[in-house]
Amino acid sequence: MNRTLEVRYIPFIDYGEAWELQKQIVKRVDREEQQETLLLLQHPPTYTIGSQRHPEHLLLSPEQLKEKGISIFEIDRGGDITYHGPGQLVGYPLLILDGSKGLDLHDYLRKLEQVIINYLASFGIEGSRKPEYTGVWVGNVKICAIGVKFNKCRGKRGFVTSHGFAFNIKSGIQNDGFQGIVPCGIQEYGVTSLEDITGKEFTVEQTAKDIVPYFTEIFGYDAMWSE
């Protein structure tokens, strides 16, 4: 029998508000007061800087950030700087990893990548990995960035995951915020989107609904949608 996964789609939410929501849910999941949860959402234009901090990878001045309306947060996930914004599906899986489910930390990252790879395959797109980088690629352009945190469970072995993946959906997103940074600190490769690769139109909300079965299949859950 699969475990139950609570799934929520939030059309738009400020990054700081979503970060606080993650922290609250992590605590409740750890205390077994809430089901494991997958948050699917969009953020307004935001740069987030993970634990691998390289100030030189932010190419805009404070004045330019203000002019463009881009917020910036130094956060507690792994990785370098990335961009979140309209037209991108962001997923925050808040899951228990305790060893009993056959997942280790490395395997968790590979499974997140596999969700996106399998979804892309449904359109005949070959998504791939690059051994030196986390994320999903189509050729030499990145379509999905991944950065996570493993929160130690209280009084027991294991972790509750937070943060997650950022899947570029709408065409042109690479020209919105990505030009103001060195995405994930990777200078030799660019980024792309689902619309640019397929030539078709997608909504972020529909993509969120369509990707859930791929997630639940890979991770072994039954989805329970909530408001």
Protein backbone atom coordinates (compact mmCIF):
# COMPACT_ATOMS: atom_id res chain seq x y z
CA MET A 1 0.00 0.00 0.00
CA ASN A 2 1.33 3.41 -1.00
CA ARG A 3 1.63 6.27 1.46
CA THR A 4 -0.61 9.30 1.09
CA LEU A 5 0.89 12.52 -0.21
CA GLU A 6 -0.94 15.80 0.30
CA VAL A 7 -0.58 17.92 -2.85
CA ARG A 8 -1.29 21.67 -3.00
CA TYR A 9 -1.10 24.05 -5.94
CA ILE A 10 -0.61 27.73 -5.09
CA PRO A 11 -0.87 30.01 -8.17
CA PHE A 12 1.47 32.74 -6.84
CA ILE A 13 3.15 33.18 -3.47
CA ASP A 14 5.93 35.45 -2.26
CA TYR A 15 9.18 33.54 -1.77
CA GLY A 16 9.56 34.51 1.89
CA GLU A 17 6.00 33.41 2.65
CA ALA A 18 6.54 30.07 0.92
CA TRP A 19 9.82 29.53 2.80
CA GLU A 20 8.05 30.06 6.12
CA LEU A 21 5.26 27.72 5.02
CA GLN A 22 7.84 25.03 4.23
CA LYS A 23 9.39 25.38 7.69
CA GLN A 24 5.99 25.06 9.37
CA ILE A 25 5.05 21.96 7.36
CA VAL A 26 8.46 20.35 7.98
CA LYS A 27 7.84 20.65 11.73
CA ARG A 28 4.33 19.22 11.45
CA VAL A 29 5.46 16.34 9.23
CA ASP A 30 8.30 15.57 11.65
CA ARG A 31 5.82 15.48 14.57
CA GLU A 32 3.42 13.32 12.49
CA GLU A 33 0.80 16.07 12.74
CA GLN A 34 0.49 16.36 8.94
CA GLN A 35 0.80 14.14 5.89
CA GLU A 36 3.93 14.35 3.81
CA THR A 37 3.29 17.17 1.36
CA LEU A 38 4.15 18.35 -2.13
CA LEU A 39 3.75 22.10 -2.70
CA LEU A 40 3.52 23.16 -6.35
CA LEU A 41 3.56 26.89 -7.06
CA GLN A 42 4.92 29.96 -8.81
CA HIS A 43 6.91 32.82 -7.33
CA PRO A 44 7.16 36.46 -8.37
CA PRO A 45 10.65 37.34 -9.73
CA THR A 46 13.15 36.17 -7.11
CA TYR A 47 16.80 35.21 -6.83
CA THR A 48 17.71 32.65 -4.19
CA ILE A 49 21.27 32.00 -3.05
CA GLY A 50 22.04 28.61 -1.52
CA SER A 51 24.87 27.45 0.74
CA GLN A 52 27.47 27.68 -2.07
CA ARG A 53 27.58 31.47 -1.94
CA HIS A 54 29.41 33.24 -4.75
CA PRO A 55 28.53 36.95 -4.82
CA GLU A 56 30.14 37.30 -8.26
CA HIS A 57 27.40 35.10 -9.76
CA LEU A 58 24.85 37.88 -9.15
CA LEU A 59 25.39 40.27 -12.05
CA LEU A 60 22.95 43.02 -11.05
CA SER A 61 23.44 45.90 -8.62
CA PRO A 62 20.95 46.60 -5.80
CA GLU A 63 19.62 49.49 -7.91
CA GLN A 64 19.08 47.21 -10.91
CA LEU A 65 17.35 44.60 -8.74
CA LYS A 66 14.97 47.26 -7.45
CA GLU A 67 14.33 48.60 -10.95
CA LYS A 68 13.51 45.12 -12.25
CA GLY A 69 11.42 44.23 -9.19
CA ILE A 70 13.47 41.14 -8.33
CA SER A 71 13.68 40.07 -4.69
CA ILE A 72 16.72 38.26 -3.32
CA PHE A 73 16.99 35.72 -0.51
CA GLU A 74 19.96 33.91 1.04
CA ILE A 75 18.48 30.56 2.01
CA ASP A 76 19.31 27.24 3.63
CA ARG A 77 19.27 24.85 0.67
CA GLY A 78 22.30 23.49 -1.12
CA GLY A 79 23.57 24.93 -4.36
CA ASP A 80 24.39 28.34 -5.76
CA ILE A 81 22.20 31.15 -7.11
CA THR A 82 19.08 30.55 -9.20
CA TYR A 83 16.04 32.41 -10.47
CA HIS A 84 12.35 31.85 -9.72
CA GLY A 85 9.60 33.68 -11.55
CA PRO A 86 6.32 33.55 -13.46
CA GLY A 87 6.24 30.76 -16.01
CA GLN A 88 8.24 28.38 -13.82
CA LEU A 89 6.79 25.46 -11.88
CA VAL A 90 8.43 25.23 -8.46
CA GLY A 91 7.98 22.04 -6.44
CA TYR A 92 8.71 21.67 -2.73
CA PRO A 93 8.47 18.02 -1.60
CA LEU A 94 8.30 17.82 2.20
CA LEU A 95 8.95 14.12 2.71
CA ILE A 96 10.30 11.83 5.41
CA LEU A 97 13.53 10.02 4.56
CA ASP A 98 14.22 7.53 7.33
CA GLY A 99 15.90 4.65 5.55
CA SER A 100 12.84 2.38 5.77
CA LYS A 101 11.59 3.63 2.39
CA GLY A 102 14.74 2.58 0.56
CA LEU A 103 15.88 6.15 -0.11
CA ASP A 104 19.17 7.72 0.78
CA LEU A 105 20.06 11.38 0.21
CA HIS A 106 21.79 10.77 -3.12
CA ASP A 107 18.96 8.53 -4.32
CA TYR A 108 16.42 11.22 -3.41
CA LEU A 109 18.09 13.72 -5.76
CA ARG A 110 18.24 11.17 -8.57
CA LYS A 111 14.54 10.39 -8.12
CA LEU A 112 13.63 14.08 -8.30
CA GLU A 113 15.52 14.27 -11.58
CA GLN A 114 13.79 11.11 -12.81
CA VAL A 115 10.34 12.64 -12.26
CA ILE A 116 11.18 15.42 -14.71
CA ILE A 117 12.96 13.07 -17.11
CA ASN A 118 9.92 10.77 -17.25
CA TYR A 119 7.55 13.70 -17.74
CA LEU A 120 9.67 15.05 -20.60
CA ALA A 121 9.74 11.58 -22.17
CA SER A 122 5.93 11.70 -22.51
CA PHE A 123 6.53 14.43 -25.13
CA GLY A 124 9.33 12.53 -26.83
CA ILE A 125 11.97 14.76 -25.20
CA GLU A 126 15.17 13.16 -23.97
CA GLY A 127 15.94 14.68 -20.60
CA SER A 128 19.33 13.82 -19.17
CA ARG A 129 21.73 14.31 -16.29
CA LYS A 130 25.21 15.74 -16.21
CA PRO A 131 27.35 13.82 -13.71
CA GLU A 132 29.01 16.95 -12.34
CA TYR A 133 25.73 18.86 -11.81
CA THR A 134 22.37 18.27 -10.17
CA GLY A 135 19.33 18.98 -12.34
CA VAL A 136 17.77 17.97 -15.66
CA TRP A 137 19.11 18.92 -19.07
CA VAL A 138 17.98 18.75 -22.67
CA GLY A 139 21.21 18.56 -24.60
CA ASN A 140 23.45 21.24 -23.14
CA VAL A 141 20.73 23.51 -21.75
CA LYS A 142 19.15 23.12 -18.31
CA ILE A 143 15.38 22.85 -18.09
CA CYS A 144 15.06 22.05 -14.37
CA ALA A 145 17.22 23.14 -11.44
CA ILE A 146 17.26 21.20 -8.16
CA GLY A 147 18.39 22.35 -4.72
CA VAL A 148 17.27 20.75 -1.46
CA LYS A 149 17.69 20.74 2.29
CA PHE A 150 17.61 17.69 4.54
CA ASN A 151 16.16 18.67 7.94
CA LYS A 152 17.19 16.32 10.77
CA CYS A 153 14.22 14.67 12.43
CA ARG A 154 13.74 15.21 16.14
CA GLY A 155 14.66 12.32 18.40
CA LYS A 156 15.06 9.76 15.62
CA ARG A 157 17.21 8.93 12.64
CA GLY A 158 16.20 10.38 9.33
CA PHE A 159 15.30 13.64 7.65
CA VAL A 160 12.42 15.70 6.35
CA THR A 161 13.17 17.20 2.95
CA SER A 162 12.50 20.80 1.92
CA HIS A 163 13.10 23.06 -1.08
CA GLY A 164 13.14 21.07 -4.32
CA PHE A 165 12.93 21.71 -8.07
CA ALA A 166 12.34 24.63 -10.44
CA PHE A 167 11.02 23.51 -13.84
CA ASN A 168 11.02 26.13 -16.61
CA ILE A 169 7.70 26.02 -18.48
CA LYS A 170 6.97 29.23 -20.41
CA SER A 171 8.93 30.42 -23.41
CA GLY A 172 11.19 33.40 -22.80
CA ILE A 173 11.73 32.75 -19.09
CA GLN A 174 15.46 32.49 -19.77
CA ASN A 175 15.39 36.14 -20.82
CA ASP A 176 13.52 37.33 -17.71
CA GLY A 177 15.72 36.76 -14.69
CA PHE A 178 18.39 34.30 -15.74
CA GLN A 179 20.34 36.96 -17.62
CA GLY A 180 21.06 38.72 -14.33
CA ILE A 181 22.93 35.77 -12.81
CA VAL A 182 25.28 32.91 -13.57
CA PRO A 183 22.63 30.22 -13.01
CA CYS A 184 23.78 27.68 -10.43
CA GLY A 185 27.29 29.03 -11.02
CA ILE A 186 27.46 27.24 -14.39
CA GLN A 187 28.92 29.51 -17.05
CA GLU A 188 29.34 27.10 -19.96
CA TYR A 189 25.69 26.06 -20.38
CA GLY A 190 22.40 27.95 -20.78
CA VAL A 191 18.79 27.34 -19.77
CA THR A 192 15.65 26.48 -21.71
CA SER A 193 11.92 25.88 -21.15
CA LEU A 194 9.29 23.26 -21.95
CA GLU A 195 7.61 25.57 -24.49
CA ASP A 196 10.89 26.34 -26.24
CA ILE A 197 11.75 22.65 -26.53
CA THR A 198 8.30 21.45 -27.70
CA GLY A 199 7.01 24.47 -29.61
CA LYS A 200 3.69 23.99 -27.80
CA GLU A 201 1.89 26.16 -25.24
CA PHE A 202 1.54 25.10 -21.60
CA THR A 203 0.13 26.61 -18.45
CA VAL A 204 2.03 26.19 -15.21
CA GLU A 205 -1.14 25.07 -13.41
CA GLN A 206 -1.89 22.29 -15.91
CA THR A 207 1.73 21.16 -15.88
CA ALA A 208 1.54 20.95 -12.07
CA LYS A 209 -1.50 18.66 -12.33
CA ASP A 210 0.05 16.56 -15.07
CA ILE A 211 3.39 16.03 -13.31
CA VAL A 212 1.93 14.69 -10.05
CA PRO A 213 1.36 11.10 -11.34
CA TYR A 214 5.01 10.95 -12.39
CA PHE A 215 6.06 12.08 -8.91
CA THR A 216 3.81 9.62 -7.08
CA GLU A 217 4.91 6.74 -9.30
CA ILE A 218 8.62 7.39 -8.72
CA PHE A 219 8.28 7.95 -4.97
CA GLY A 220 5.47 5.47 -4.21
CA TYR A 221 2.60 7.68 -3.02
CA ASP A 222 -1.11 8.13 -3.59
CA ALA A 223 -1.91 11.79 -4.20
CA MET A 224 -4.51 13.62 -2.12
CA TRP A 225 -5.16 17.12 -3.48
CA SER A 226 -6.01 19.85 -1.00
CA GLU A 227 -6.75 23.57 -1.16
